[in-house]
Structures are given as structure tokens and as C-alpha cells.
PDB file of all heavy atoms in Angstrom:
ATOM      1  N   ILE A   1       8.108  10.124   2.088  1.00  0.00           N
ATOM      2  CA  ILE A   1       7.043   9.477   2.982  1.00  0.00           C
ATOM      3  C   ILE A   1       7.270   7.935   2.822  1.00  0.00           C
ATOM      4  O   ILE A   1       7.095   7.392   1.773  1.00  0.00           O
ATOM      5  CB  ILE A   1       5.603   9.857   2.405  1.00  0.00           C
ATOM      6  CG1 ILE A   1       5.456  11.394   2.583  1.00  0.00           C
ATOM      7  CG2 ILE A   1       4.577   9.032   3.168  1.00  0.00           C
ATOM      8  CD1 ILE A   1       4.079  11.897   2.116  1.00  0.00           C
ATOM      9  N   VAL A   2       7.707   7.403   3.882  1.00  0.00           N
ATOM     10  CA  VAL A   2       7.986   5.879   3.929  1.00  0.00           C
ATOM     11  C   VAL A   2       6.869   5.232   4.696  1.00  0.00           C
ATOM     12  O   VAL A   2       6.561   5.561   5.824  1.00  0.00           O
ATOM     13  CB  VAL A   2       9.325   5.608   4.630  1.00  0.00           C
ATOM     14  CG1 VAL A   2       9.682   4.151   4.515  1.00  0.00           C
ATOM     15  CG2 VAL A   2      10.427   6.526   4.064  1.00  0.00           C
ATOM     16  N   THR A   3       6.282   4.258   4.087  1.00  0.00           N
ATOM     17  CA  THR A   3       5.127   3.545   4.645  1.00  0.00           C
ATOM     18  C   THR A   3       5.497   2.006   4.791  1.00  0.00           C
ATOM     19  O   THR A   3       5.801   1.415   3.918  1.00  0.00           O
ATOM     20  CB  THR A   3       3.770   3.703   3.925  1.00  0.00           C
ATOM     21  OG1 THR A   3       3.552   5.032   3.759  1.00  0.00           O
ATOM     22  CG2 THR A   3       2.668   2.910   4.502  1.00  0.00           C
ATOM     23  N   VAL A   4       5.471   1.564   6.029  1.00  0.00           N
ATOM     24  CA  VAL A   4       5.712   0.140   6.345  1.00  0.00           C
ATOM     25  C   VAL A   4       4.467  -0.675   6.034  1.00  0.00           C
ATOM     26  O   VAL A   4       3.524  -0.626   6.765  1.00  0.00           O
ATOM     27  CB  VAL A   4       6.229  -0.103   7.722  1.00  0.00           C
ATOM     28  CG1 VAL A   4       6.396  -1.672   7.870  1.00  0.00           C
ATOM     29  CG2 VAL A   4       7.510   0.601   7.951  1.00  0.00           C
ATOM     30  N   SER A   5       4.369  -1.138   4.773  1.00  0.00           N
ATOM     31  CA  SER A   5       3.183  -2.046   4.437  1.00  0.00           C
ATOM     32  C   SER A   5       3.569  -3.491   4.896  1.00  0.00           C
ATOM     33  O   SER A   5       3.918  -3.750   6.052  1.00  0.00           O
ATOM     34  CB  SER A   5       3.086  -1.903   2.885  1.00  0.00           C
ATOM     35  OG  SER A   5       1.962  -2.767   2.463  1.00  0.00           O
ATOM     36  N   SER A   6       3.566  -4.339   3.953  1.00  0.00           N
ATOM     37  CA  SER A   6       3.856  -5.843   4.302  1.00  0.00           C
ATOM     38  C   SER A   6       3.854  -6.617   2.999  1.00  0.00           C
ATOM     39  O   SER A   6       3.216  -6.153   2.008  1.00  0.00           O
ATOM     40  CB  SER A   6       2.776  -6.377   5.271  1.00  0.00           C
ATOM     41  OG  SER A   6       2.889  -7.818   5.413  1.00  0.00           O
ATOM     42  N   VAL A   7       4.427  -7.793   3.067  1.00  0.00           N
ATOM     43  CA  VAL A   7       4.363  -8.639   1.914  1.00  0.00           C
ATOM     44  C   VAL A   7       2.786  -9.082   1.849  1.00  0.00           C
ATOM     45  O   VAL A   7       2.395  -9.392   0.739  1.00  0.00           O
ATOM     46  CB  VAL A   7       5.234  -9.976   2.029  1.00  0.00           C
ATOM     47  CG1 VAL A   7       6.663  -9.540   1.989  1.00  0.00           C
ATOM     48  CG2 VAL A   7       4.964 -10.693   3.278  1.00  0.00           C
ATOM     49  N   MET A   8       2.082  -9.039   2.863  1.00  0.00           N
ATOM     50  CA  MET A   8       0.614  -9.261   2.822  1.00  0.00           C
ATOM     51  C   MET A   8      -0.106  -8.168   2.231  1.00  0.00           C
ATOM     52  O   MET A   8      -1.263  -8.293   1.867  1.00  0.00           O
ATOM     53  CB  MET A   8       0.047  -9.248   4.273  1.00  0.00           C
ATOM     54  CG  MET A   8       0.676 -10.480   5.111  1.00  0.00           C
ATOM     55  SD  MET A   8       0.150 -12.080   4.436  1.00  0.00           S
ATOM     56  CE  MET A   8       1.518 -12.576   3.548  1.00  0.00           C
ATOM     57  N   GLY A   9       0.630  -7.101   1.697  1.00  0.00           N
ATOM     58  CA  GLY A   9      -0.002  -6.141   0.919  1.00  0.00           C
ATOM     59  C   GLY A   9       0.076  -6.453  -0.640  1.00  0.00           C
ATOM     60  O   GLY A   9      -0.557  -5.794  -1.419  1.00  0.00           O
ATOM     61  N   ILE A  10       0.773  -7.530  -1.004  1.00  0.00           N
ATOM     62  CA  ILE A  10       0.907  -7.933  -2.339  1.00  0.00           C
ATOM     63  C   ILE A  10       0.502  -9.373  -2.480  1.00  0.00           C
ATOM     64  O   ILE A  10       0.541  -9.904  -3.723  1.00  0.00           O
ATOM     65  CB  ILE A  10       2.326  -7.810  -2.875  1.00  0.00           C
ATOM     66  CG1 ILE A  10       3.346  -8.595  -1.957  1.00  0.00           C
ATOM     67  CG2 ILE A  10       2.786  -6.367  -2.864  1.00  0.00           C
ATOM     68  CD1 ILE A  10       4.718  -8.522  -2.517  1.00  0.00           C
ATOM     69  N   MET A  11      -0.044  -9.953  -1.456  1.00  0.00           N
ATOM     70  CA  MET A  11      -0.532 -11.372  -1.556  1.00  0.00           C
ATOM     71  C   MET A  11      -1.641 -11.529  -0.583  1.00  0.00           C
ATOM     72  O   MET A  11      -1.976 -10.624   0.226  1.00  0.00           O
ATOM     73  CB  MET A  11       0.593 -12.386  -1.413  1.00  0.00           C
ATOM     74  CG  MET A  11       1.091 -12.417   0.034  1.00  0.00           C
ATOM     75  SD  MET A  11       2.263 -13.761   0.308  1.00  0.00           S
ATOM     76  CE  MET A  11       3.687 -13.278  -0.701  1.00  0.00           C
ATOM     77  N   GLY A  12      -2.272 -12.714  -0.514  1.00  0.00           N
ATOM     78  CA  GLY A  12      -3.244 -13.021   0.537  1.00  0.00           C
ATOM     79  C   GLY A  12      -2.778 -14.118   1.429  1.00  0.00           C
ATOM     80  O   GLY A  12      -1.953 -15.020   0.959  1.00  0.00           O
ATOM     81  N   ALA A  13      -3.299 -14.223   2.524  1.00  0.00           N
ATOM     82  CA  ALA A  13      -2.940 -15.379   3.551  1.00  0.00           C
ATOM     83  C   ALA A  13      -4.030 -15.581   4.489  1.00  0.00           C
ATOM     84  O   ALA A  13      -4.781 -14.660   4.896  1.00  0.00           O
ATOM     85  CB  ALA A  13      -1.643 -14.957   4.251  1.00  0.00           C
ATOM     86  N   PRO A  14      -4.230 -16.741   4.810  1.00  0.00           N
ATOM     87  CA  PRO A  14      -5.335 -17.204   5.832  1.00  0.00           C
ATOM     88  C   PRO A  14      -4.979 -16.646   7.149  1.00  0.00           C
ATOM     89  O   PRO A  14      -3.933 -16.424   7.466  1.00  0.00           O
ATOM     90  CB  PRO A  14      -5.289 -18.717   5.858  1.00  0.00           C
ATOM     91  CG  PRO A  14      -3.885 -19.094   5.439  1.00  0.00           C
ATOM     92  CD  PRO A  14      -3.447 -18.093   4.504  1.00  0.00           C
ATOM     93  N   LEU A  15      -6.121 -16.423   7.930  1.00  0.00           N
ATOM     94  CA  LEU A  15      -6.018 -15.891   9.383  1.00  0.00           C
ATOM     95  C   LEU A  15      -5.621 -14.432   9.387  1.00  0.00           C
ATOM     96  O   LEU A  15      -5.499 -13.898  10.518  1.00  0.00           O
ATOM     97  CB  LEU A  15      -5.090 -16.729  10.188  1.00  0.00           C
ATOM     98  CG  LEU A  15      -5.358 -18.250  10.221  1.00  0.00           C
ATOM     99  CD1 LEU A  15      -4.215 -18.935  10.898  1.00  0.00           C
ATOM    100  CD2 LEU A  15      -6.642 -18.561  10.965  1.00  0.00           C
ATOM    101  N   ALA A  16      -5.540 -13.779   8.216  1.00  0.00           N
ATOM    102  CA  ALA A  16      -5.221 -12.315   8.263  1.00  0.00           C
ATOM    103  C   ALA A  16      -5.947 -11.556   7.220  1.00  0.00           C
ATOM    104  O   ALA A  16      -5.377 -10.663   6.672  1.00  0.00           O
ATOM    105  CB  ALA A  16      -3.633 -12.278   8.047  1.00  0.00           C
ATOM    106  N   SER A  17      -7.207 -11.902   6.980  1.00  0.00           N
ATOM    107  CA  SER A  17      -7.865 -11.250   5.847  1.00  0.00           C
ATOM    108  C   SER A  17      -8.059  -9.712   6.138  1.00  0.00           C
ATOM    109  O   SER A  17      -7.980  -8.984   5.169  1.00  0.00           O
ATOM    110  CB  SER A  17      -9.230 -11.917   5.751  1.00  0.00           C
ATOM    111  OG  SER A  17      -9.975 -11.906   6.962  1.00  0.00           O
ATOM    112  N   GLY A  18      -8.314  -9.288   7.315  1.00  0.00           N
ATOM    113  CA  GLY A  18      -8.405  -7.919   7.656  1.00  0.00           C
ATOM    114  C   GLY A  18      -7.065  -7.119   7.543  1.00  0.00           C
ATOM    115  O   GLY A  18      -7.000  -6.079   7.005  1.00  0.00           O
ATOM    116  N   TYR A  19      -6.047  -7.815   8.053  1.00  0.00           N
ATOM    117  CA  TYR A  19      -4.752  -7.163   7.975  1.00  0.00           C
ATOM    118  C   TYR A  19      -4.250  -7.108   6.492  1.00  0.00           C
ATOM    119  O   TYR A  19      -3.785  -6.068   6.072  1.00  0.00           O
ATOM    120  CB  TYR A  19      -3.705  -8.094   8.792  1.00  0.00           C
ATOM    121  CG  TYR A  19      -2.317  -7.632   8.723  1.00  0.00           C
ATOM    122  CD1 TYR A  19      -1.920  -6.524   9.495  1.00  0.00           C
ATOM    123  CD2 TYR A  19      -1.385  -8.244   7.977  1.00  0.00           C
ATOM    124  CE1 TYR A  19      -0.633  -6.034   9.479  1.00  0.00           C
ATOM    125  CE2 TYR A  19       0.017  -7.825   7.978  1.00  0.00           C
ATOM    126  CZ  TYR A  19       0.283  -6.714   8.646  1.00  0.00           C
ATOM    127  OH  TYR A  19       1.563  -6.297   8.755  1.00  0.00           O
ATOM    128  N   CYS A  20      -4.469  -8.162   5.749  1.00  0.00           N
ATOM    129  CA  CYS A  20      -4.186  -8.164   4.379  1.00  0.00           C
ATOM    130  C   CYS A  20      -4.875  -6.961   3.539  1.00  0.00           C
ATOM    131  O   CYS A  20      -4.351  -6.271   2.752  1.00  0.00           O
ATOM    132  CB  CYS A  20      -4.422  -9.365   3.603  1.00  0.00           C
ATOM    133  SG  CYS A  20      -3.341 -10.794   4.130  1.00  0.00           S
ATOM    134  N   ALA A  21      -6.200  -6.881   3.856  1.00  0.00           N
ATOM    135  CA  ALA A  21      -7.027  -5.807   3.319  1.00  0.00           C
ATOM    136  C   ALA A  21      -6.409  -4.495   3.659  1.00  0.00           C
ATOM    137  O   ALA A  21      -6.394  -3.628   2.760  1.00  0.00           O
ATOM    138  CB  ALA A  21      -8.506  -5.892   3.759  1.00  0.00           C
ATOM    139  N   SER A  22      -6.068  -4.206   4.823  1.00  0.00           N
ATOM    140  CA  SER A  22      -5.604  -2.935   5.323  1.00  0.00           C
ATOM    141  C   SER A  22      -4.223  -2.618   4.499  1.00  0.00           C
ATOM    142  O   SER A  22      -3.953  -1.482   4.149  1.00  0.00           O
ATOM    143  CB  SER A  22      -5.359  -2.782   6.722  1.00  0.00           C
ATOM    144  OG  SER A  22      -4.229  -3.611   7.204  1.00  0.00           O
ATOM    145  N   LYS A  23      -3.331  -3.625   4.326  1.00  0.00           N
ATOM    146  CA  LYS A  23      -2.156  -3.417   3.598  1.00  0.00           C
ATOM    147  C   LYS A  23      -2.249  -3.240   2.193  1.00  0.00           C
ATOM    148  O   LYS A  23      -1.586  -2.491   1.468  1.00  0.00           O
ATOM    149  CB  LYS A  23      -1.203  -4.583   4.018  1.00  0.00           C
ATOM    150  CG  LYS A  23      -0.785  -4.569   5.456  1.00  0.00           C
ATOM    151  CD  LYS A  23      -0.110  -3.307   5.920  1.00  0.00           C
ATOM    152  CE  LYS A  23       0.356  -3.407   7.465  1.00  0.00           C
ATOM    153  NZ  LYS A  23       1.139  -2.138   7.825  1.00  0.00           N
ATOM    154  N   HIS A  24      -3.272  -4.019   1.552  1.00  0.00           N
ATOM    155  CA  HIS A  24      -3.614  -3.789   0.159  1.00  0.00           C
ATOM    156  C   HIS A  24      -4.171  -2.364   0.016  1.00  0.00           C
ATOM    157  O   HIS A  24      -3.840  -1.665  -1.097  1.00  0.00           O
ATOM    158  CB  HIS A  24      -4.695  -4.726  -0.298  1.00  0.00           C
ATOM    159  CG  HIS A  24      -4.127  -6.081  -0.751  1.00  0.00           C
ATOM    160  ND1 HIS A  24      -3.502  -6.985   0.166  1.00  0.00           N
ATOM    161  CD2 HIS A  24      -4.038  -6.636  -1.985  1.00  0.00           C
ATOM    162  CE1 HIS A  24      -3.135  -8.109  -0.599  1.00  0.00           C
ATOM    163  NE2 HIS A  24      -3.484  -7.854  -1.878  1.00  0.00           N
ATOM    164  N   ALA A  25      -4.859  -1.881   0.989  1.00  0.00           N
ATOM    165  CA  ALA A  25      -5.422  -0.491   0.807  1.00  0.00           C
ATOM    166  C   ALA A  25      -4.306   0.563   0.862  1.00  0.00           C
ATOM    167  O   ALA A  25      -4.324   1.502   0.041  1.00  0.00           O
ATOM    168  CB  ALA A  25      -6.372  -0.272   1.973  1.00  0.00           C
ATOM    169  N   LEU A  26      -3.263   0.254   1.697  1.00  0.00           N
ATOM    170  CA  LEU A  26      -2.145   1.191   1.842  1.00  0.00           C
ATOM    171  C   LEU A  26      -1.357   1.198   0.465  1.00  0.00           C
ATOM    172  O   LEU A  26      -0.868   2.307  -0.033  1.00  0.00           O
ATOM    173  CB  LEU A  26      -1.235   0.879   2.936  1.00  0.00           C
ATOM    174  CG  LEU A  26      -1.660   1.195   4.318  1.00  0.00           C
ATOM    175  CD1 LEU A  26      -0.797   0.641   5.406  1.00  0.00           C
ATOM    176  CD2 LEU A  26      -1.926   2.597   4.553  1.00  0.00           C
ATOM    177  N   GLN A  27      -1.158  -0.020  -0.080  1.00  0.00           N
ATOM    178  CA  GLN A  27      -0.451  -0.144  -1.274  1.00  0.00           C
ATOM    179  C   GLN A  27      -1.191   0.625  -2.444  1.00  0.00           C
ATOM    180  O   GLN A  27      -0.629   1.380  -3.127  1.00  0.00           O
ATOM    181  CB  GLN A  27      -0.403  -1.576  -1.766  1.00  0.00           C
ATOM    182  CG  GLN A  27       0.540  -2.415  -0.820  1.00  0.00           C
ATOM    183  CD  GLN A  27       2.049  -2.163  -1.101  1.00  0.00           C
ATOM    184  OE1 GLN A  27       2.758  -1.495  -0.310  1.00  0.00           O
ATOM    185  NE2 GLN A  27       2.580  -2.661  -2.299  1.00  0.00           N
ATOM    186  N   GLY A  28      -2.467   0.455  -2.508  1.00  0.00           N
ATOM    187  CA  GLY A  28      -3.183   1.101  -3.569  1.00  0.00           C
ATOM    188  C   GLY A  28      -3.253   2.523  -3.350  1.00  0.00           C
ATOM    189  O   GLY A  28      -3.104   3.452  -4.370  1.00  0.00           O
ATOM    190  N   PHE A  29      -3.340   3.036  -2.101  1.00  0.00           N
ATOM    191  CA  PHE A  29      -3.391   4.502  -1.811  1.00  0.00           C
ATOM    192  C   PHE A  29      -2.052   5.201  -2.197  1.00  0.00           C
ATOM    193  O   PHE A  29      -2.034   6.221  -2.980  1.00  0.00           O
ATOM    194  CB  PHE A  29      -3.727   4.752  -0.365  1.00  0.00           C
ATOM    195  CG  PHE A  29      -3.607   6.263   0.002  1.00  0.00           C
ATOM    196  CD1 PHE A  29      -4.576   7.179  -0.260  1.00  0.00           C
ATOM    197  CD2 PHE A  29      -2.458   6.684   0.631  1.00  0.00           C
ATOM    198  CE1 PHE A  29      -4.434   8.456   0.091  1.00  0.00           C
ATOM    199  CE2 PHE A  29      -2.300   7.957   1.057  1.00  0.00           C
ATOM    200  CZ  PHE A  29      -3.304   8.857   0.680  1.00  0.00           C
ATOM    201  N   PHE A  30      -1.006   4.689  -1.684  1.00  0.00           N
ATOM    202  CA  PHE A  30       0.320   5.368  -1.928  1.00  0.00           C
ATOM    203  C   PHE A  30       0.826   5.189  -3.356  1.00  0.00           C
ATOM    204  O   PHE A  30       1.435   6.097  -3.867  1.00  0.00           O
ATOM    205  CB  PHE A  30       1.331   4.811  -0.861  1.00  0.00           C
ATOM    206  CG  PHE A  30       1.116   5.401   0.478  1.00  0.00           C
ATOM    207  CD1 PHE A  30       0.569   4.605   1.445  1.00  0.00           C
ATOM    208  CD2 PHE A  30       1.480   6.716   0.735  1.00  0.00           C
ATOM    209  CE1 PHE A  30       0.374   5.212   2.752  1.00  0.00           C
ATOM    210  CE2 PHE A  30       1.261   7.342   1.964  1.00  0.00           C
ATOM    211  CZ  PHE A  30       0.741   6.585   2.977  1.00  0.00           C
ATOM    212  N   ASN A  31       0.469   4.081  -4.038  1.00  0.00           N
ATOM    213  CA  ASN A  31       0.765   3.967  -5.461  1.00  0.00           C
ATOM    214  C   ASN A  31       0.028   5.074  -6.316  1.00  0.00           C
ATOM    215  O   ASN A  31       0.510   5.602  -7.231  1.00  0.00           O
ATOM    216  CB  ASN A  31       0.610   2.545  -5.985  1.00  0.00           C
ATOM    217  CG  ASN A  31       1.665   1.551  -5.566  1.00  0.00           C
ATOM    218  OD1 ASN A  31       2.672   1.895  -5.148  1.00  0.00           O
ATOM    219  ND2 ASN A  31       1.224   0.321  -5.548  1.00  0.00           N
ATOM    220  N   SER A  32      -1.172   5.364  -5.875  1.00  0.00           N
ATOM    221  CA  SER A  32      -1.949   6.352  -6.512  1.00  0.00           C
ATOM    222  C   SER A  32      -1.453   7.699  -6.253  1.00  0.00           C
ATOM    223  O   SER A  32      -1.408   8.602  -7.089  1.00  0.00           O
ATOM    224  CB  SER A  32      -3.487   6.126  -6.230  1.00  0.00           C
ATOM    225  OG  SER A  32      -3.986   4.926  -6.555  1.00  0.00           O
ATOM    226  N   LEU A  33      -1.112   8.002  -4.894  1.00  0.00           N
ATOM    227  CA  LEU A  33      -0.687   9.252  -4.535  1.00  0.00           C
ATOM    228  C   LEU A  33       0.550   9.631  -5.194  1.00  0.00           C
ATOM    229  O   LEU A  33       0.794  10.786  -5.592  1.00  0.00           O
ATOM    230  CB  LEU A  33      -0.365   9.307  -2.967  1.00  0.00           C
ATOM    231  CG  LEU A  33       0.161  10.521  -2.453  1.00  0.00           C
ATOM    232  CD1 LEU A  33      -0.751  11.638  -2.566  1.00  0.00           C
ATOM    233  CD2 LEU A  33       0.414  10.295  -0.938  1.00  0.00           C
ATOM    234  N   ARG A  34       1.464   8.640  -5.402  1.00  0.00           N
ATOM    235  CA  ARG A  34       2.712   8.863  -6.150  1.00  0.00           C
ATOM    236  C   ARG A  34       2.388   9.508  -7.562  1.00  0.00           C
ATOM    237  O   ARG A  34       3.177  10.376  -7.986  1.00  0.00           O
ATOM    238  CB  ARG A  34       3.479   7.621  -6.351  1.00  0.00           C
ATOM    239  CG  ARG A  34       4.930   7.791  -6.837  1.00  0.00           C
ATOM    240  CD  ARG A  34       5.675   6.470  -7.032  1.00  0.00           C
ATOM    241  NE  ARG A  34       5.882   5.739  -5.857  1.00  0.00           N
ATOM    242  CZ  ARG A  34       5.321   4.613  -5.563  1.00  0.00           C
ATOM    243  NH1 ARG A  34       4.441   4.115  -6.353  1.00  0.00           N
ATOM    244  NH2 ARG A  34       5.488   4.085  -4.412  1.00  0.00           N
ATOM    245  N   THR A  35       1.355   8.993  -8.165  1.00  0.00           N
ATOM    246  CA  THR A  35       1.057   9.444  -9.488  1.00  0.00           C
ATOM    247  C   THR A  35       0.442  10.869  -9.521  1.00  0.00           C
ATOM    248  O   THR A  35       0.475  11.676 -10.519  1.00  0.00           O
ATOM    249  CB  THR A  35       0.131   8.626 -10.242  1.00  0.00           C
ATOM    250  OG1 THR A  35      -1.285   8.710  -9.570  1.00  0.00           O
ATOM    251  CG2 THR A  35       0.539   7.229 -10.294  1.00  0.00           C
ATOM    252  N   GLU A  36      -0.060  11.379  -8.383  1.00  0.00           N
ATOM    253  CA  GLU A  36      -0.510  12.724  -8.107  1.00  0.00           C
ATOM    254  C   GLU A  36       0.567  13.675  -7.799  1.00  0.00           C
ATOM    255  O   GLU A  36       0.355  14.851  -7.760  1.00  0.00           O
ATOM    256  CB  GLU A  36      -1.588  12.803  -7.073  1.00  0.00           C
ATOM    257  CG  GLU A  36      -2.859  11.889  -7.451  1.00  0.00           C
ATOM    258  CD  GLU A  36      -3.863  11.959  -6.246  1.00  0.00           C
ATOM    259  OE1 GLU A  36      -3.705  12.823  -5.323  1.00  0.00           O
ATOM    260  OE2 GLU A  36      -4.911  11.336  -6.320  1.00  0.00           O
ATOM    261  N   LEU A  37       1.745  13.268  -7.471  1.00  0.00           N
ATOM    262  CA  LEU A  37       2.892  14.212  -7.162  1.00  0.00           C
ATOM    263  C   LEU A  37       3.908  14.253  -8.214  1.00  0.00           C
ATOM    264  O   LEU A  37       5.089  14.543  -7.865  1.00  0.00           O
ATOM    265  CB  LEU A  37       3.468  13.599  -5.789  1.00  0.00           C
ATOM    266  CG  LEU A  37       2.596  13.507  -4.608  1.00  0.00           C
ATOM    267  CD1 LEU A  37       3.234  12.804  -3.530  1.00  0.00           C
ATOM    268  CD2 LEU A  37       2.164  15.032  -4.264  1.00  0.00           C
ATOM    269  N   THR A  38       3.560  14.035  -9.490  1.00  0.00           N
ATOM    270  CA  THR A  38       4.587  14.190 -10.502  1.00  0.00           C
ATOM    271  C   THR A  38       5.147  15.567 -10.707  1.00  0.00           C
ATOM    272  O   THR A  38       6.274  15.739 -11.156  1.00  0.00           O
ATOM    273  CB  THR A  38       3.951  13.709 -11.872  1.00  0.00           C
ATOM    274  OG1 THR A  38       2.747  14.435 -12.096  1.00  0.00           O
ATOM    275  CG2 THR A  38       3.602  12.193 -11.795  1.00  0.00           C
ATOM    276  N   ASP A  39       4.423  16.529 -10.262  1.00  0.00           N
ATOM    277  CA  ASP A  39       4.947  17.923 -10.235  1.00  0.00           C
ATOM    278  C   ASP A  39       5.976  18.230  -9.114  1.00  0.00           C
ATOM    279  O   ASP A  39       6.446  19.317  -9.038  1.00  0.00           O
ATOM    280  CB  ASP A  39       3.871  18.954 -10.195  1.00  0.00           C
ATOM    281  CG  ASP A  39       3.005  19.050 -11.433  1.00  0.00           C
ATOM    282  OD1 ASP A  39       3.511  18.578 -12.484  1.00  0.00           O
ATOM    283  OD2 ASP A  39       1.792  19.497 -11.409  1.00  0.00           O
ATOM    284  N   TYR A  40       6.088  17.213  -8.211  1.00  0.00           N
ATOM    285  CA  TYR A  40       7.014  17.347  -7.114  1.00  0.00           C
ATOM    286  C   TYR A  40       8.008  16.217  -7.130  1.00  0.00           C
ATOM    287  O   TYR A  40       7.882  15.296  -6.285  1.00  0.00           O
ATOM    288  CB  TYR A  40       6.253  17.415  -5.844  1.00  0.00           C
ATOM    289  CG  TYR A  40       5.227  18.596  -5.801  1.00  0.00           C
ATOM    290  CD1 TYR A  40       3.914  18.277  -6.128  1.00  0.00           C
ATOM    291  CD2 TYR A  40       5.550  19.860  -5.403  1.00  0.00           C
ATOM    292  CE1 TYR A  40       2.935  19.239  -6.053  1.00  0.00           C
ATOM    293  CE2 TYR A  40       4.573  20.781  -5.408  1.00  0.00           C
ATOM    294  CZ  TYR A  40       3.286  20.587  -5.798  1.00  0.00           C
ATOM    295  OH  TYR A  40       2.277  21.562  -5.649  1.00  0.00           O
ATOM    296  N   PRO A  41       8.977  16.159  -8.034  1.00  0.00           N
ATOM    297  CA  PRO A  41       9.791  15.121  -8.186  1.00  0.00           C
ATOM    298  C   PRO A  41      10.678  14.855  -7.016  1.00  0.00           C
ATOM    299  O   PRO A  41      11.323  13.646  -6.843  1.00  0.00           O
ATOM    300  CB  PRO A  41      10.665  15.476  -9.469  1.00  0.00           C
ATOM    301  CG  PRO A  41      10.603  16.926  -9.526  1.00  0.00           C
ATOM    302  CD  PRO A  41       9.269  17.306  -9.052  1.00  0.00           C
ATOM    303  N   GLU A  42      10.902  15.742  -6.098  1.00  0.00           N
ATOM    304  CA  GLU A  42      11.764  15.524  -4.834  1.00  0.00           C
ATOM    305  C   GLU A  42      10.920  15.122  -3.694  1.00  0.00           C
ATOM    306  O   GLU A  42      11.508  15.012  -2.601  1.00  0.00           O
ATOM    307  CB  GLU A  42      12.462  16.801  -4.511  1.00  0.00           C
ATOM    308  CG  GLU A  42      13.584  17.208  -5.703  1.00  0.00           C
ATOM    309  CD  GLU A  42      14.531  18.276  -5.117  1.00  0.00           C
ATOM    310  OE1 GLU A  42      14.986  18.169  -4.099  1.00  0.00           O
ATOM    311  OE2 GLU A  42      14.656  19.254  -5.887  1.00  0.00           O
TER     312      GLU A  42
END
């Protein structure tokens, strides 16, 4: 599962607060999901 996030998912920038928020949300979600799939290493 490949998700195109953004460097805006690891930092903040003016004029893109909503976009940054959505990319931060994706980063948090998929980093958490990865920890839920330890029984599926492939």
C-alpha cells in the first residue's frame, strides 16, 4: 500500500494549513496501521 503524502506531512507551511493537516493525518494513520500489521510481514 503506497500512499503519496507530501513533505507537508512532516512540516508546516503558510497558505496550506488544511492541506498540511490532511497529509499529517495520512502520515499518522499509515504509520499506525503499519504497527497493526506485524502479523503480516509481506
